[in-house]
Amino acid sequence: MTTVKQHKRSYANYLGSLGGTPEEPKNTVAPSITGTAQVGGTLTSNGGTWTGRPTPNLSRVWSAGGVVIVGATGLTYDPIVGDIGKTITVSVTGYSHEGRVTVTSIATTAVIGAE
């Protein structure tokens, strides 16, 4: 036989389970991009360092020449011919039920054609 016990959790216990008072996301180290800004190359995003309670989730969006690249939301981005001459950035959003903050990386050099 299985017995199920219900417990009422006080607000203080709830806060303790979160590790303290809830805090909105905060970026402490900006996102960055590594890789080759070249057609045929791959750029990889580092989401940076984030704090907050609860720990923030992260989402990304890549941009070329300041314009969001539709559908480019992954950890990596492979520049295309249409990106030649444009710089690439990645914007990382840290979010939780306490809020959301978006920080954008420093831009790459201008994308060049394939060798």
PDB file of N, CA and C in Angstrom:
ATOM      1  N   MET A   1       0.840  -1.168   0.000  1.00  0.00           N
ATOM      2  CA  MET A   1       0.000   0.000   0.000  1.00  0.00           C
ATOM      3  C   MET A   1       0.892   1.239   0.000  1.00  0.00           C
ATOM      4  N   THR A   2       0.516   2.256  -0.782  1.00  0.00           N
ATOM      5  CA  THR A   2       1.266   3.499  -0.872  1.00  0.00           C
ATOM      6  C   THR A   2       0.505   4.589  -0.141  1.00  0.00           C
ATOM      7  N   THR A   3       1.225   5.343   0.658  1.00  0.00           N
ATOM      8  CA  THR A   3       0.613   6.450   1.380  1.00  0.00           C
ATOM      9  C   THR A   3       1.158   7.747   0.821  1.00  0.00           C
ATOM     10  N   VAL A   4       0.278   8.661   0.518  1.00  0.00           N
ATOM     11  CA  VAL A   4       0.681   9.967   0.003  1.00  0.00           C
ATOM     12  C   VAL A   4       0.399  10.995   1.080  1.00  0.00           C
ATOM     13  N   LYS A   5       1.406  11.772   1.419  1.00  0.00           N
ATOM     14  CA  LYS A   5       1.236  12.823   2.421  1.00  0.00           C
ATOM     15  C   LYS A   5       1.319  14.170   1.725  1.00  0.00           C
ATOM     16  N   GLN A   6       0.449  15.052   2.110  1.00  0.00           N
ATOM     17  CA  GLN A   6       0.485  16.404   1.573  1.00  0.00           C
ATOM     18  C   GLN A   6       1.055  17.328   2.638  1.00  0.00           C
ATOM     19  N   HIS A   7       1.873  18.226   2.215  1.00  0.00           N
ATOM     20  CA  HIS A   7       2.478  19.190   3.126  1.00  0.00           C
ATOM     21  C   HIS A   7       2.218  20.584   2.584  1.00  0.00           C
ATOM     22  N   LYS A   8       1.864  21.477   3.491  1.00  0.00           N
ATOM     23  CA  LYS A   8       1.736  22.876   3.105  1.00  0.00           C
ATOM     24  C   LYS A   8       3.102  23.522   3.263  1.00  0.00           C
ATOM     25  N   ARG A   9       3.514  24.181   2.228  1.00  0.00           N
ATOM     26  CA  ARG A   9       4.809  24.861   2.284  1.00  0.00           C
ATOM     27  C   ARG A   9       4.574  26.334   2.553  1.00  0.00           C
ATOM     28  N   SER A  10       5.277  26.845   3.510  1.00  0.00           N
ATOM     29  CA  SER A  10       5.174  28.271   3.787  1.00  0.00           C
ATOM     30  C   SER A  10       5.949  29.048   2.725  1.00  0.00           C
ATOM     31  N   TYR A  11       5.661  30.341   2.640  1.00  0.00           N
ATOM     32  CA  TYR A  11       6.368  31.188   1.687  1.00  0.00           C
ATOM     33  C   TYR A  11       7.866  31.158   1.971  1.00  0.00           C
ATOM     34  N   ALA A  12       8.226  31.146   3.250  1.00  0.00           N
ATOM     35  CA  ALA A  12       9.655  31.109   3.609  1.00  0.00           C
ATOM     36  C   ALA A  12      10.302  29.828   3.102  1.00  0.00           C
ATOM     37  N   ASN A  13       9.595  28.708   3.227  1.00  0.00           N
ATOM     38  CA  ASN A  13      10.143  27.453   2.709  1.00  0.00           C
ATOM     39  C   ASN A  13      10.267  27.508   1.198  1.00  0.00           C
ATOM     40  N   TYR A  14       9.284  28.128   0.548  1.00  0.00           N
ATOM     41  CA  TYR A  14       9.330  28.267  -0.906  1.00  0.00           C
ATOM     42  C   TYR A  14      10.558  29.073  -1.311  1.00  0.00           C
ATOM     43  N   LEU A  15      10.769  30.201  -0.634  1.00  0.00           N
ATOM     44  CA  LEU A  15      11.940  31.026  -0.952  1.00  0.00           C
ATOM     45  C   LEU A  15      13.225  30.251  -0.707  1.00  0.00           C
ATOM     46  N   GLY A  16      13.255  29.478   0.361  1.00  0.00           N
ATOM     47  CA  GLY A  16      14.435  28.663   0.644  1.00  0.00           C
ATOM     48  C   GLY A  16      14.707  27.664  -0.460  1.00  0.00           C
ATOM     49  N   SER A  17      13.643  27.118  -1.045  1.00  0.00           N
ATOM     50  CA  SER A  17      13.831  26.153  -2.132  1.00  0.00           C
ATOM     51  C   SER A  17      14.398  26.817  -3.376  1.00  0.00           C
ATOM     52  N   LEU A  18      14.180  28.117  -3.499  1.00  0.00           N
ATOM     53  CA  LEU A  18      14.738  28.860  -4.627  1.00  0.00           C
ATOM     54  C   LEU A  18      16.166  29.309  -4.352  1.00  0.00           C
ATOM     55  N   GLY A  19      16.600  29.160  -3.133  1.00  0.00           N
ATOM     56  CA  GLY A  19      17.936  29.608  -2.776  1.00  0.00           C
ATOM     57  C   GLY A  19      17.948  31.043  -2.292  1.00  0.00           C
ATOM     58  N   GLY A  20      16.798  31.588  -1.926  1.00  0.00           N
ATOM     59  CA  GLY A  20      16.714  32.953  -1.430  1.00  0.00           C
ATOM     60  C   GLY A  20      15.597  33.714  -2.100  1.00  0.00           C
ATOM     61  N   THR A  21      15.624  35.011  -1.941  1.00  0.00           N
ATOM     62  CA  THR A  21      14.603  35.874  -2.513  1.00  0.00           C
ATOM     63  C   THR A  21      14.713  35.882  -4.035  1.00  0.00           C
ATOM     64  N   PRO A  22      13.578  35.777  -4.737  1.00  0.00           N
ATOM     65  CA  PRO A  22      13.627  35.818  -6.203  1.00  0.00           C
ATOM     66  C   PRO A  22      14.303  37.101  -6.705  1.00  0.00           C
ATOM     67  N   GLU A  23      15.081  36.967  -7.768  1.00  0.00           N
ATOM     68  CA  GLU A  23      15.775  38.109  -8.375  1.00  0.00           C
ATOM     69  C   GLU A  23      15.633  38.030  -9.880  1.00  0.00           C
ATOM     70  N   GLU A  24      15.484  39.187 -10.514  1.00  0.00           N
ATOM     71  CA  GLU A  24      15.386  39.193 -11.977  1.00  0.00           C
ATOM     72  C   GLU A  24      16.725  38.802 -12.594  1.00  0.00           C
ATOM     73  N   PRO A  25      16.704  38.317 -13.828  1.00  0.00           N
ATOM     74  CA  PRO A  25      17.949  37.945 -14.503  1.00  0.00           C
ATOM     75  C   PRO A  25      18.902  39.140 -14.623  1.00  0.00           C
ATOM     76  N   LYS A  26      20.178  38.858 -14.488  1.00  0.00           N
ATOM     77  CA  LYS A  26      21.212  39.887 -14.644  1.00  0.00           C
ATOM     78  C   LYS A  26      22.383  39.271 -15.390  1.00  0.00           C
ATOM     79  N   ASN A  27      22.863  39.974 -16.408  1.00  0.00           N
ATOM     80  CA  ASN A  27      24.021  39.516 -17.165  1.00  0.00           C
ATOM     81  C   ASN A  27      25.272  40.104 -16.532  1.00  0.00           C
ATOM     82  N   THR A  28      26.243  39.235 -16.200  1.00  0.00           N
ATOM     83  CA  THR A  28      27.482  39.702 -15.580  1.00  0.00           C
ATOM     84  C   THR A  28      28.685  39.604 -16.513  1.00  0.00           C
ATOM     85  N   VAL A  29      28.606  38.751 -17.529  1.00  0.00           N
ATOM     86  CA  VAL A  29      29.624  38.667 -18.578  1.00  0.00           C
ATOM     87  C   VAL A  29      28.869  38.604 -19.899  1.00  0.00           C
ATOM     88  N   ALA A  30      29.150  39.559 -20.787  1.00  0.00           N
ATOM     89  CA  ALA A  30      28.402  39.677 -22.042  1.00  0.00           C
ATOM     90  C   ALA A  30      28.572  38.451 -22.940  1.00  0.00           C
ATOM     91  N   PRO A  31      27.565  38.187 -23.770  1.00  0.00           N
ATOM     92  CA  PRO A  31      27.689  37.122 -24.769  1.00  0.00           C
ATOM     93  C   PRO A  31      28.832  37.440 -25.733  1.00  0.00           C
ATOM     94  N   SER A  32      29.362  36.401 -26.361  1.00  0.00           N
ATOM     95  CA  SER A  32      30.436  36.597 -27.334  1.00  0.00           C
ATOM     96  C   SER A  32      30.281  35.608 -28.477  1.00  0.00           C
ATOM     97  N   ILE A  33      31.019  35.873 -29.541  1.00  0.00           N
ATOM     98  CA  ILE A  33      30.988  35.020 -30.736  1.00  0.00           C
ATOM     99  C   ILE A  33      32.408  34.576 -31.044  1.00  0.00           C
ATOM    100  N   THR A  34      32.564  33.286 -31.339  1.00  0.00           N
ATOM    101  CA  THR A  34      33.842  32.769 -31.819  1.00  0.00           C
ATOM    102  C   THR A  34      33.614  32.129 -33.177  1.00  0.00           C
ATOM    103  N   GLY A  35      34.672  31.998 -33.931  1.00  0.00           N
ATOM    104  CA  GLY A  35      34.576  31.361 -35.238  1.00  0.00           C
ATOM    105  C   GLY A  35      34.963  32.311 -36.351  1.00  0.00           C
ATOM    106  N   THR A  36      34.725  31.873 -37.579  1.00  0.00           N
ATOM    107  CA  THR A  36      35.134  32.607 -38.767  1.00  0.00           C
ATOM    108  C   THR A  36      33.939  33.262 -39.441  1.00  0.00           C
ATOM    109  N   ALA A  37      33.990  34.583 -39.566  1.00  0.00           N
ATOM    110  CA  ALA A  37      32.918  35.327 -40.235  1.00  0.00           C
ATOM    111  C   ALA A  37      33.131  35.228 -41.741  1.00  0.00           C
ATOM    112  N   GLN A  38      32.844  34.060 -42.266  1.00  0.00           N
ATOM    113  CA  GLN A  38      33.107  33.759 -43.672  1.00  0.00           C
ATOM    114  C   GLN A  38      32.049  32.783 -44.167  1.00  0.00           C
ATOM    115  N   VAL A  39      31.627  32.964 -45.405  1.00  0.00           N
ATOM    116  CA  VAL A  39      30.703  32.011 -46.011  1.00  0.00           C
ATOM    117  C   VAL A  39      31.371  30.638 -45.973  1.00  0.00           C
ATOM    118  N   GLY A  40      30.669  29.648 -45.464  1.00  0.00           N
ATOM    119  CA  GLY A  40      31.237  28.314 -45.297  1.00  0.00           C
ATOM    120  C   GLY A  40      31.818  28.084 -43.916  1.00  0.00           C
ATOM    121  N   GLY A  41      31.948  29.146 -43.135  1.00  0.00           N
ATOM    122  CA  GLY A  41      32.443  29.024 -41.765  1.00  0.00           C
ATOM    123  C   GLY A  41      31.283  28.855 -40.796  1.00  0.00           C
ATOM    124  N   THR A  42      31.624  28.673 -39.538  1.00  0.00           N
ATOM    125  CA  THR A  42      30.609  28.555 -38.495  1.00  0.00           C
ATOM    126  C   THR A  42      30.941  29.514 -37.368  1.00  0.00           C
ATOM    127  N   LEU A  43      29.936  30.259 -36.931  1.00  0.00           N
ATOM    128  CA  LEU A  43      30.064  31.133 -35.775  1.00  0.00           C
ATOM    129  C   LEU A  43      29.351  30.461 -34.603  1.00  0.00           C
ATOM    130  N   THR A  44      29.954  30.537 -33.434  1.00  0.00           N
ATOM    131  CA  THR A  44      29.385  29.917 -32.242  1.00  0.00           C
ATOM    132  C   THR A  44      29.177  30.977 -31.172  1.00  0.00           C
ATOM    133  N   SER A  45      28.019  30.945 -30.551  1.00  0.00           N
ATOM    134  CA  SER A  45      27.730  31.921 -29.499  1.00  0.00           C
ATOM    135  C   SER A  45      28.030  31.346 -28.125  1.00  0.00           C
ATOM    136  N   ASN A  46      28.609  32.188 -27.292  1.00  0.00           N
ATOM    137  CA  ASN A  46      28.749  31.908 -25.869  1.00  0.00           C
ATOM    138  C   ASN A  46      27.720  32.820 -25.216  1.00  0.00           C
ATOM    139  N   GLY A  47      26.813  32.261 -24.451  1.00  0.00           N
ATOM    140  CA  GLY A  47      25.713  33.039 -23.885  1.00  0.00           C
ATOM    141  C   GLY A  47      26.098  34.020 -22.809  1.00  0.00           C
ATOM    142  N   GLY A  48      27.356  34.005 -22.383  1.00  0.00           N
ATOM    143  CA  GLY A  48      27.772  34.888 -21.309  1.00  0.00           C
ATOM    144  C   GLY A  48      27.482  34.262 -19.958  1.00  0.00           C
ATOM    145  N   THR A  49      27.547  35.080 -18.922  1.00  0.00           N
ATOM    146  CA  THR A  49      27.280  34.613 -17.568  1.00  0.00           C
ATOM    147  C   THR A  49      26.081  35.365 -17.014  1.00  0.00           C
ATOM    148  N   TRP A  50      25.181  34.608 -16.404  1.00  0.00           N
ATOM    149  CA  TRP A  50      23.925  35.167 -15.904  1.00  0.00           C
ATOM    150  C   TRP A  50      23.701  34.769 -14.453  1.00  0.00           C
ATOM    151  N   THR A  51      23.055  35.671 -13.707  1.00  0.00           N
ATOM    152  CA  THR A  51      22.617  35.367 -12.354  1.00  0.00           C
ATOM    153  C   THR A  51      21.127  35.648 -12.266  1.00  0.00           C
ATOM    154  N   GLY A  52      20.520  35.223 -11.184  1.00  0.00           N
ATOM    155  CA  GLY A  52      19.097  35.448 -10.939  1.00  0.00           C
ATOM    156  C   GLY A  52      18.517  34.253 -10.214  1.00  0.00           C
ATOM    157  N   ARG A  53      17.387  34.473  -9.552  1.00  0.00           N
ATOM    158  CA  ARG A  53      16.675  33.383  -8.870  1.00  0.00           C
ATOM    159  C   ARG A  53      15.240  33.405  -9.338  1.00  0.00           C
ATOM    160  N   PRO A  54      14.758  32.369  -9.928  1.00  0.00           N
ATOM    161  CA  PRO A  54      15.480  31.159 -10.285  1.00  0.00           C
ATOM    162  C   PRO A  54      16.497  31.432 -11.398  1.00  0.00           C
ATOM    163  N   THR A  55      17.369  30.458 -11.650  1.00  0.00           N
ATOM    164  CA  THR A  55      18.370  30.595 -12.703  1.00  0.00           C
ATOM    165  C   THR A  55      17.672  30.893 -14.025  1.00  0.00           C
ATOM    166  N   PRO A  56      18.088  31.953 -14.731  1.00  0.00           N
ATOM    167  CA  PRO A  56      17.407  32.310 -15.977  1.00  0.00           C
ATOM    168  C   PRO A  56      17.611  31.286 -17.093  1.00  0.00           C
ATOM    169  N   ASN A  57      16.586  31.138 -17.903  1.00  0.00           N
ATOM    170  CA  ASN A  57      16.696  30.409 -19.166  1.00  0.00           C
ATOM    171  C   ASN A  57      17.306  31.367 -20.173  1.00  0.00           C
ATOM    172  N   LEU A  58      17.930  30.843 -21.221  1.00  0.00           N
ATOM    173  CA  LEU A  58      18.543  31.693 -22.243  1.00  0.00           C
ATOM    174  C   LEU A  58      17.956  31.390 -23.608  1.00  0.00           C
ATOM    175  N   SER A  59      17.740  32.452 -24.386  1.00  0.00           N
ATOM    176  CA  SER A  59      17.368  32.300 -25.794  1.00  0.00           C
ATOM    177  C   SER A  59      18.281  33.202 -26.609  1.00  0.00           C
ATOM    178  N   ARG A  60      18.441  32.878 -27.889  1.00  0.00           N
ATOM    179  CA  ARG A  60      19.356  33.620 -28.759  1.00  0.00           C
ATOM    180  C   ARG A  60      18.664  34.010 -30.047  1.00  0.00           C
ATOM    181  N   VAL A  61      19.144  35.101 -30.625  1.00  0.00           N
ATOM    182  CA  VAL A  61      18.756  35.463 -31.984  1.00  0.00           C
ATOM    183  C   VAL A  61      19.961  36.144 -32.635  1.00  0.00           C
ATOM    184  N   TRP A  62      20.281  35.698 -33.849  1.00  0.00           N
ATOM    185  CA  TRP A  62      21.415  36.232 -34.604  1.00  0.00           C
ATOM    186  C   TRP A  62      20.941  37.358 -35.514  1.00  0.00           C
ATOM    187  N   SER A  63      21.830  38.329 -35.759  1.00  0.00           N
ATOM    188  CA  SER A  63      21.540  39.439 -36.668  1.00  0.00           C
ATOM    189  C   SER A  63      22.710  39.642 -37.616  1.00  0.00           C
ATOM    190  N   ALA A  64      22.398  40.101 -38.820  1.00  0.00           N
ATOM    191  CA  ALA A  64      23.414  40.441 -39.828  1.00  0.00           C
ATOM    192  C   ALA A  64      23.189  41.888 -40.230  1.00  0.00           C
ATOM    193  N   GLY A  65      24.206  42.712 -40.055  1.00  0.00           N
ATOM    194  CA  GLY A  65      24.064  44.118 -40.406  1.00  0.00           C
ATOM    195  C   GLY A  65      22.970  44.812 -39.617  1.00  0.00           C
ATOM    196  N   GLY A  66      22.723  44.352 -38.394  1.00  0.00           N
ATOM    197  CA  GLY A  66      21.713  44.964 -37.536  1.00  0.00           C
ATOM    198  C   GLY A  66      20.294  44.480 -37.769  1.00  0.00           C
ATOM    199  N   VAL A  67      20.108  43.543 -38.684  1.00  0.00           N
ATOM    200  CA  VAL A  67      18.775  43.018 -39.004  1.00  0.00           C
ATOM    201  C   VAL A  67      18.686  41.571 -38.523  1.00  0.00           C
ATOM    202  N   VAL A  68      17.636  41.267 -37.768  1.00  0.00           N
ATOM    203  CA  VAL A  68      17.441  39.911 -37.248  1.00  0.00           C
ATOM    204  C   VAL A  68      17.367  38.919 -38.398  1.00  0.00           C
ATOM    205  N   ILE A  69      18.069  37.803 -38.252  1.00  0.00           N
ATOM    206  CA  ILE A  69      18.047  36.724 -39.241  1.00  0.00           C
ATOM    207  C   ILE A  69      16.919  35.777 -38.832  1.00  0.00           C
ATOM    208  N   VAL A  70      15.844  35.782 -39.579  1.00  0.00           N
ATOM    209  CA  VAL A  70      14.666  34.980 -39.248  1.00  0.00           C
ATOM    210  C   VAL A  70      15.053  33.506 -39.121  1.00  0.00           C
ATOM    211  N   GLY A  71      14.680  32.905 -38.008  1.00  0.00           N
ATOM    212  CA  GLY A  71      14.938  31.489 -37.778  1.00  0.00           C
ATOM    213  C   GLY A  71      16.307  31.166 -37.209  1.00  0.00           C
ATOM    214  N   ALA A  72      17.184  32.157 -37.098  1.00  0.00           N
ATOM    215  CA  ALA A  72      18.541  31.909 -36.582  1.00  0.00           C
ATOM    216  C   ALA A  72      18.537  32.096 -35.065  1.00  0.00           C
ATOM    217  N   THR A  73      18.237  31.004 -34.353  1.00  0.00           N
ATOM    218  CA  THR A  73      18.108  31.066 -32.898  1.00  0.00           C
ATOM    219  C   THR A  73      18.950  30.012 -32.180  1.00  0.00           C
ATOM    220  N   GLY A  74      19.830  29.352 -32.900  1.00  0.00           N
ATOM    221  CA  GLY A  74      20.627  28.277 -32.306  1.00  0.00           C
ATOM    222  C   GLY A  74      21.938  28.754 -31.722  1.00  0.00           C
ATOM    223  N   LEU A  75      22.689  27.810 -31.218  1.00  0.00           N
ATOM    224  CA  LEU A  75      24.007  28.102 -30.649  1.00  0.00           C
ATOM    225  C   LEU A  75      25.008  28.506 -31.721  1.00  0.00           C
ATOM    226  N   THR A  76      24.778  28.058 -32.962  1.00  0.00           N
ATOM    227  CA  THR A  76      25.704  28.374 -34.051  1.00  0.00           C
ATOM    228  C   THR A  76      24.956  29.017 -35.208  1.00  0.00           C
ATOM    229  N   TYR A  77      25.730  29.717 -36.039  1.00  0.00           N
ATOM    230  CA  TYR A  77      25.189  30.308 -37.266  1.00  0.00           C
ATOM    231  C   TYR A  77      26.249  30.180 -38.351  1.00  0.00           C
ATOM    232  N   ASP A  78      25.824  29.741 -39.535  1.00  0.00           N
ATOM    233  CA  ASP A  78      26.717  29.617 -40.690  1.00  0.00           C
ATOM    234  C   ASP A  78      26.418  30.752 -41.663  1.00  0.00           C
ATOM    235  N   PRO A  79      27.330  31.723 -41.786  1.00  0.00           N
ATOM    236  CA  PRO A  79      27.090  32.848 -42.688  1.00  0.00           C
ATOM    237  C   PRO A  79      26.814  32.388 -44.124  1.00  0.00           C
ATOM    238  N   ILE A  80      25.938  33.135 -44.793  1.00  0.00           N
ATOM    239  CA  ILE A  80      25.567  32.842 -46.180  1.00  0.00           C
ATOM    240  C   ILE A  80      26.039  33.977 -47.085  1.00  0.00           C
ATOM    241  N   VAL A  81      25.933  33.771 -48.381  1.00  0.00           N
ATOM    242  CA  VAL A  81      26.389  34.775 -49.360  1.00  0.00           C
ATOM    243  C   VAL A  81      25.739  36.135 -49.105  1.00  0.00           C
ATOM    244  N   GLY A  82      24.473  36.145 -48.731  1.00  0.00           N
ATOM    245  CA  GLY A  82      23.777  37.408 -48.462  1.00  0.00           C
ATOM    246  C   GLY A  82      24.335  38.184 -47.281  1.00  0.00           C
ATOM    247  N   ASP A  83      25.175  37.540 -46.473  1.00  0.00           N
ATOM    248  CA  ASP A  83      25.781  38.204 -45.313  1.00  0.00           C
ATOM    249  C   ASP A  83      27.101  38.889 -45.647  1.00  0.00           C
ATOM    250  N   ILE A  84      27.649  38.661 -46.840  1.00  0.00           N
ATOM    251  CA  ILE A  84      28.953  39.234 -47.197  1.00  0.00           C
ATOM    252  C   ILE A  84      28.919  40.752 -47.012  1.00  0.00           C
ATOM    253  N   GLY A  85      29.932  41.255 -46.322  1.00  0.00           N
ATOM    254  CA  GLY A  85      30.051  42.685 -46.063  1.00  0.00           C
ATOM    255  C   GLY A  85      29.326  43.144 -44.807  1.00  0.00           C
ATOM    256  N   LYS A  86      28.551  42.270 -44.191  1.00  0.00           N
ATOM    257  CA  LYS A  86      27.805  42.621 -42.978  1.00  0.00           C
ATOM    258  C   LYS A  86      28.492  42.026 -41.749  1.00  0.00           C
ATOM    259  N   THR A  87      28.360  42.712 -40.629  1.00  0.00           N
ATOM    260  CA  THR A  87      28.831  42.150 -39.367  1.00  0.00           C
ATOM    261  C   THR A  87      27.709  41.315 -38.754  1.00  0.00           C
ATOM    262  N   ILE A  88      28.088  40.367 -37.917  1.00  0.00           N
ATOM    263  CA  ILE A  88      27.133  39.466 -37.275  1.00  0.00           C
ATOM    264  C   ILE A  88      27.178  39.693 -35.767  1.00  0.00           C
ATOM    265  N   THR A  89      26.007  39.728 -35.151  1.00  0.00           N
ATOM    266  CA  THR A  89      25.903  39.781 -33.694  1.00  0.00           C
ATOM    267  C   THR A  89      24.942  38.693 -33.235  1.00  0.00           C
ATOM    268  N   VAL A  90      25.021  38.387 -31.951  1.00  0.00           N
ATOM    269  CA  VAL A  90      24.032  37.498 -31.337  1.00  0.00           C
ATOM    270  C   VAL A  90      23.495  38.214 -30.097  1.00  0.00           C
ATOM    271  N   SER A  91      22.176  38.240 -29.993  1.00  0.00           N
ATOM    272  CA  SER A  91      21.523  38.807 -28.811  1.00  0.00           C
ATOM    273  C   SER A  91      21.026  37.653 -27.956  1.00  0.00           C
ATOM    274  N   VAL A  92      21.394  37.676 -26.689  1.00  0.00           N
ATOM    275  CA  VAL A  92      20.999  36.618 -25.759  1.00  0.00           C
ATOM    276  C   VAL A  92      20.054  37.226 -24.730  1.00  0.00           C
ATOM    277  N   THR A  93      18.925  36.571 -24.542  1.00  0.00           N
ATOM    278  CA  THR A  93      17.949  37.014 -23.555  1.00  0.00           C
ATOM    279  C   THR A  93      17.935  36.028 -22.396  1.00  0.00           C
ATOM    280  N   GLY A  94      18.140  36.545 -21.192  1.00  0.00           N
ATOM    281  CA  GLY A  94      17.978  35.759 -19.975  1.00  0.00           C
ATOM    282  C   GLY A  94      16.583  36.037 -19.451  1.00  0.00           C
ATOM    283  N   TYR A  95      15.804  34.981 -19.193  1.00  0.00           N
ATOM    284  CA  TYR A  95      14.423  35.208 -18.763  1.00  0.00           C
ATOM    285  C   TYR A  95      13.973  34.196 -17.712  1.00  0.00           C
ATOM    286  N   SER A  96      13.083  34.669 -16.856  1.00  0.00           N
ATOM    287  CA  SER A  96      12.414  33.838 -15.854  1.00  0.00           C
ATOM    288  C   SER A  96      11.109  34.553 -15.525  1.00  0.00           C
ATOM    289  N   HIS A  97      10.346  34.012 -14.585  1.00  0.00           N
ATOM    290  CA  HIS A  97       9.112  34.696 -14.207  1.00  0.00           C
ATOM    291  C   HIS A  97       9.396  36.010 -13.482  1.00  0.00           C
ATOM    292  N   GLU A  98      10.649  36.281 -13.163  1.00  0.00           N
ATOM    293  CA  GLU A  98      11.032  37.532 -12.508  1.00  0.00           C
ATOM    294  C   GLU A  98      11.372  38.641 -13.503  1.00  0.00           C
ATOM    295  N   GLY A  99      11.493  38.315 -14.794  1.00  0.00           N
ATOM    296  CA  GLY A  99      11.780  39.339 -15.788  1.00  0.00           C
ATOM    297  C   GLY A  99      12.617  38.803 -16.929  1.00  0.00           C
ATOM    298  N   ARG A 100      13.012  39.713 -17.807  1.00  0.00           N
ATOM    299  CA  ARG A 100      13.849  39.340 -18.943  1.00  0.00           C
ATOM    300  C   ARG A 100      14.797  40.482 -19.255  1.00  0.00           C
ATOM    301  N   VAL A 101      16.010  40.109 -19.664  1.00  0.00           N
ATOM    302  CA  VAL A 101      17.051  41.072 -20.021  1.00  0.00           C
ATOM    303  C   VAL A 101      17.729  40.557 -21.280  1.00  0.00           C
ATOM    304  N   THR A 102      17.947  41.450 -22.243  1.00  0.00           N
ATOM    305  CA  THR A 102      18.617  41.080 -23.490  1.00  0.00           C
ATOM    306  C   THR A 102      19.931  41.840 -23.601  1.00  0.00           C
ATOM    307  N   VAL A 103      20.995  41.106 -23.934  1.00  0.00           N
ATOM    308  CA  VAL A 103      22.326  41.692 -24.112  1.00  0.00           C
ATOM    309  C   VAL A 103      22.859  41.223 -25.461  1.00  0.00           C
ATOM    310  N   THR A 104      23.465  42.141 -26.207  1.00  0.00           N
ATOM    311  CA  THR A 104      23.981  41.832 -27.543  1.00  0.00           C
ATOM    312  C   THR A 104      25.505  41.793 -27.525  1.00  0.00           C
ATOM    313  N   SER A 105      26.055  40.819 -28.241  1.00  0.00           N
ATOM    314  CA  SER A 105      27.509  40.652 -28.329  1.00  0.00           C
ATOM    315  C   SER A 105      28.144  41.794 -29.117  1.00  0.00           C
ATOM    316  N   ILE A 106      29.449  41.869 -29.039  1.00  0.00           N
ATOM    317  CA  ILE A 106      30.213  42.732 -29.938  1.00  0.00           C
ATOM    318  C   ILE A 106      30.137  42.094 -31.323  1.00  0.00           C
ATOM    319  N   ALA A 107      30.064  42.909 -32.350  1.00  0.00           N
ATOM    320  CA  ALA A 107      29.937  42.407 -33.724  1.00  0.00           C
ATOM    321  C   ALA A 107      31.224  41.743 -34.202  1.00  0.00           C
ATOM    322  N   THR A 108      31.046  40.780 -35.091  1.00  0.00           N
ATOM    323  CA  THR A 108      32.190  40.162 -35.764  1.00  0.00           C
ATOM    324  C   THR A 108      32.760  41.156 -36.770  1.00  0.00           C
ATOM    325  N   THR A 109      33.853  40.794 -37.379  1.00  0.00           N
ATOM    326  CA  THR A 109      34.308  41.532 -38.552  1.00  0.00           C
ATOM    327  C   THR A 109      33.297  41.272 -39.665  1.00  0.00           C
ATOM    328  N   ALA A 110      33.357  42.042 -40.731  1.00  0.00           N
ATOM    329  CA  ALA A 110      32.433  41.842 -41.849  1.00  0.00           C
ATOM    330  C   ALA A 110      32.637  40.454 -42.457  1.00  0.00           C
ATOM    331  N   VAL A 111      31.528  39.811 -42.786  1.00  0.00           N
ATOM    332  CA  VAL A 111      31.577  38.481 -43.398  1.00  0.00           C
ATOM    333  C   VAL A 111      32.259  38.578 -44.761  1.00  0.00           C
ATOM    334  N   ILE A 112      33.137  37.617 -45.041  1.00  0.00           N
ATOM    335  CA  ILE A 112      33.813  37.549 -46.339  1.00  0.00           C
ATOM    336  C   ILE A 112      33.341  36.307 -47.086  1.00  0.00           C
ATOM    337  N   GLY A 113      33.632  36.267 -48.375  1.00  0.00           N
ATOM    338  CA  GLY A 113      33.243  35.124 -49.197  1.00  0.00           C
ATOM    339  C   GLY A 113      34.077  33.892 -48.893  1.00  0.00           C
ATOM    340  N   ALA A 114      33.617  32.766 -49.401  1.00  0.00           N
ATOM    341  CA  ALA A 114      34.331  31.499 -49.210  1.00  0.00           C
ATOM    342  C   ALA A 114      35.665  31.544 -49.939  1.00  0.00           C
ATOM    343  N   GLU A 115      36.632  30.836 -49.389  1.00  0.00           N
ATOM    344  CA  GLU A 115      37.950  30.783 -50.039  1.00  0.00           C
ATOM    345  C   GLU A 115      37.988  29.702 -51.076  1.00  0.00           C
TER     346      GLU A 115
END
